[in-house]
Protein backbone atom coordinates (compact mmCIF):
# COMPACT_ATOMS: atom_id res chain seq x y z
CA UNK A 1 -0.30 0.54 4.85
CA UNK A 2 -3.60 -1.32 4.65
CA UNK A 3 -7.10 -0.70 3.42
CA UNK A 4 -8.68 1.67 5.92
CA UNK A 5 -5.41 3.32 6.97
CA UNK A 6 -5.47 7.07 7.42
CA UNK A 7 -2.62 8.63 5.45
CA UNK A 8 -1.26 12.10 4.77
CA UNK A 9 0.32 13.15 1.48
CA UNK A 10 3.86 14.33 2.17
CA UNK A 11 5.28 14.53 -1.39
CA UNK A 12 3.32 16.24 -4.17
CA UNK A 13 6.29 17.04 -6.39
CA UNK A 14 6.45 16.13 -10.07
CA UNK A 15 3.03 14.51 -10.62
CA UNK A 16 3.66 12.55 -13.82
CA UNK A 17 0.30 13.02 -15.57
CA UNK A 18 -1.08 16.12 -13.90
CA UNK A 19 -1.04 18.23 -17.07
CA UNK A 20 -1.92 15.37 -19.40
CA UNK A 21 -5.12 14.10 -17.81
CA UNK A 22 -8.13 15.37 -15.96
CA UNK A 23 -7.38 13.15 -12.97
CA UNK A 24 -7.83 14.43 -9.43
CA UNK A 25 -4.66 14.34 -7.35
CA UNK A 26 -4.25 14.39 -3.57
CA UNK A 27 -3.11 17.58 -1.87
CA UNK A 28 -0.10 17.79 0.43
CA UNK A 29 -1.03 17.90 4.11
CA UNK A 30 -4.55 16.53 3.63
CA UNK A 31 -5.58 13.29 5.37
CA UNK A 32 -7.05 10.49 3.21
CA UNK A 33 -8.36 6.95 3.74
CA UNK A 34 -6.74 4.07 1.81
CA UNK A 35 -9.32 2.20 -0.29
CA UNK A 36 -6.97 -0.18 -2.13
CA UNK A 37 -3.30 -1.19 -2.16
CA UNK A 38 -1.77 -2.70 -5.30
CA UNK A 39 1.71 -3.98 -6.10
CA UNK A 40 3.33 -2.59 -9.24
CA UNK A 41 6.83 -3.18 -10.64
CA UNK A 42 8.00 0.21 -9.33
CA UNK A 43 6.43 -0.19 -5.86
CA UNK A 44 3.10 -0.11 -4.06
CA UNK A 45 0.30 2.09 -5.33
CA UNK A 46 -2.75 3.16 -3.36
CA UNK A 47 -6.25 4.36 -4.15
CA UNK A 48 -8.02 6.75 -1.81
CA UNK A 49 -11.64 6.78 -0.63
CA UNK A 50 -11.85 10.53 -1.10
CA UNK A 51 -10.55 10.53 -4.69
CA UNK A 52 -12.03 8.42 -7.50
CA UNK A 53 -10.63 8.87 -11.00
CA UNK A 54 -11.82 7.27 -14.25
CA UNK A 55 -10.37 3.96 -15.39
CA UNK A 56 -7.82 4.45 -18.16
CA UNK A 57 -5.44 2.30 -20.18
CA UNK A 58 -1.90 2.02 -18.76
CA UNK A 59 0.93 -0.49 -19.27
CA UNK A 60 -0.65 -2.62 -16.52
CA UNK A 61 -3.99 -2.63 -18.35
CA UNK A 62 -7.15 -0.68 -17.64
CA UNK A 63 -6.85 0.75 -14.14
CA UNK A 64 -7.58 3.84 -12.12
CA UNK A 65 -4.49 5.99 -11.61
CA UNK A 66 -2.80 4.90 -8.36
CA UNK A 67 -0.63 7.07 -6.16
CA UNK A 68 2.78 5.88 -4.97
CA UNK A 69 2.51 4.73 -1.35
CA UNK A 70 5.92 6.25 -0.62
CA UNK A 71 4.39 9.72 -1.17
CA UNK A 72 2.23 9.23 1.95
CA UNK A 73 2.83 8.68 5.63
CA UNK A 74 0.49 6.48 7.61
CA UNK A 75 -1.17 8.34 10.47
CA UNK A 76 -3.42 5.62 11.81
CA UNK A 77 -3.67 1.97 10.80
CA UNK A 78 -7.18 0.54 10.43
CA UNK A 79 -8.84 -0.62 13.63
CA UNK A 80 -9.60 -4.34 13.88
CA UNK A 81 -13.16 -3.97 15.11
CA UNK A 82 -13.58 -7.67 15.88
CA UNK A 83 -10.49 -7.65 18.10
CA UNK A 84 -11.76 -4.52 19.88
CA UNK A 85 -15.13 -6.17 20.58
CA UNK A 86 -13.43 -9.29 21.96
CA UNK A 87 -11.11 -7.12 24.07
CA UNK A 88 -14.12 -5.27 25.50
CA UNK A 89 -15.87 -8.57 26.31
CA UNK A 90 -12.78 -9.82 28.15
CA UNK A 91 -12.56 -6.65 30.24
CA UNK A 92 -16.26 -6.90 31.14
CA UNK A 93 -15.84 -10.55 32.19
CA UNK A 94 -12.95 -9.64 34.46
CA UNK A 95 -14.95 -6.97 36.27
């Protein structure tokens, strides 16, 4: 999973802070865009373009609540636009 990947939430069970905070959580089956990927001791966490929560104090310091990457499945990796442009140029030169 990379920044720009399209992902779908596949596991919405047992959200740890859902009743304790006013954070917005992703919904199962909805497609989101990855805005950030961070490494944490218990695994990778992601932030989503479509959901922005306030920064709060956690063990890791002041951060926005991340969502475990393992709760999502990647639908489409980000497109390398520079590579696509170069590929198009090469095809045009060959024709």
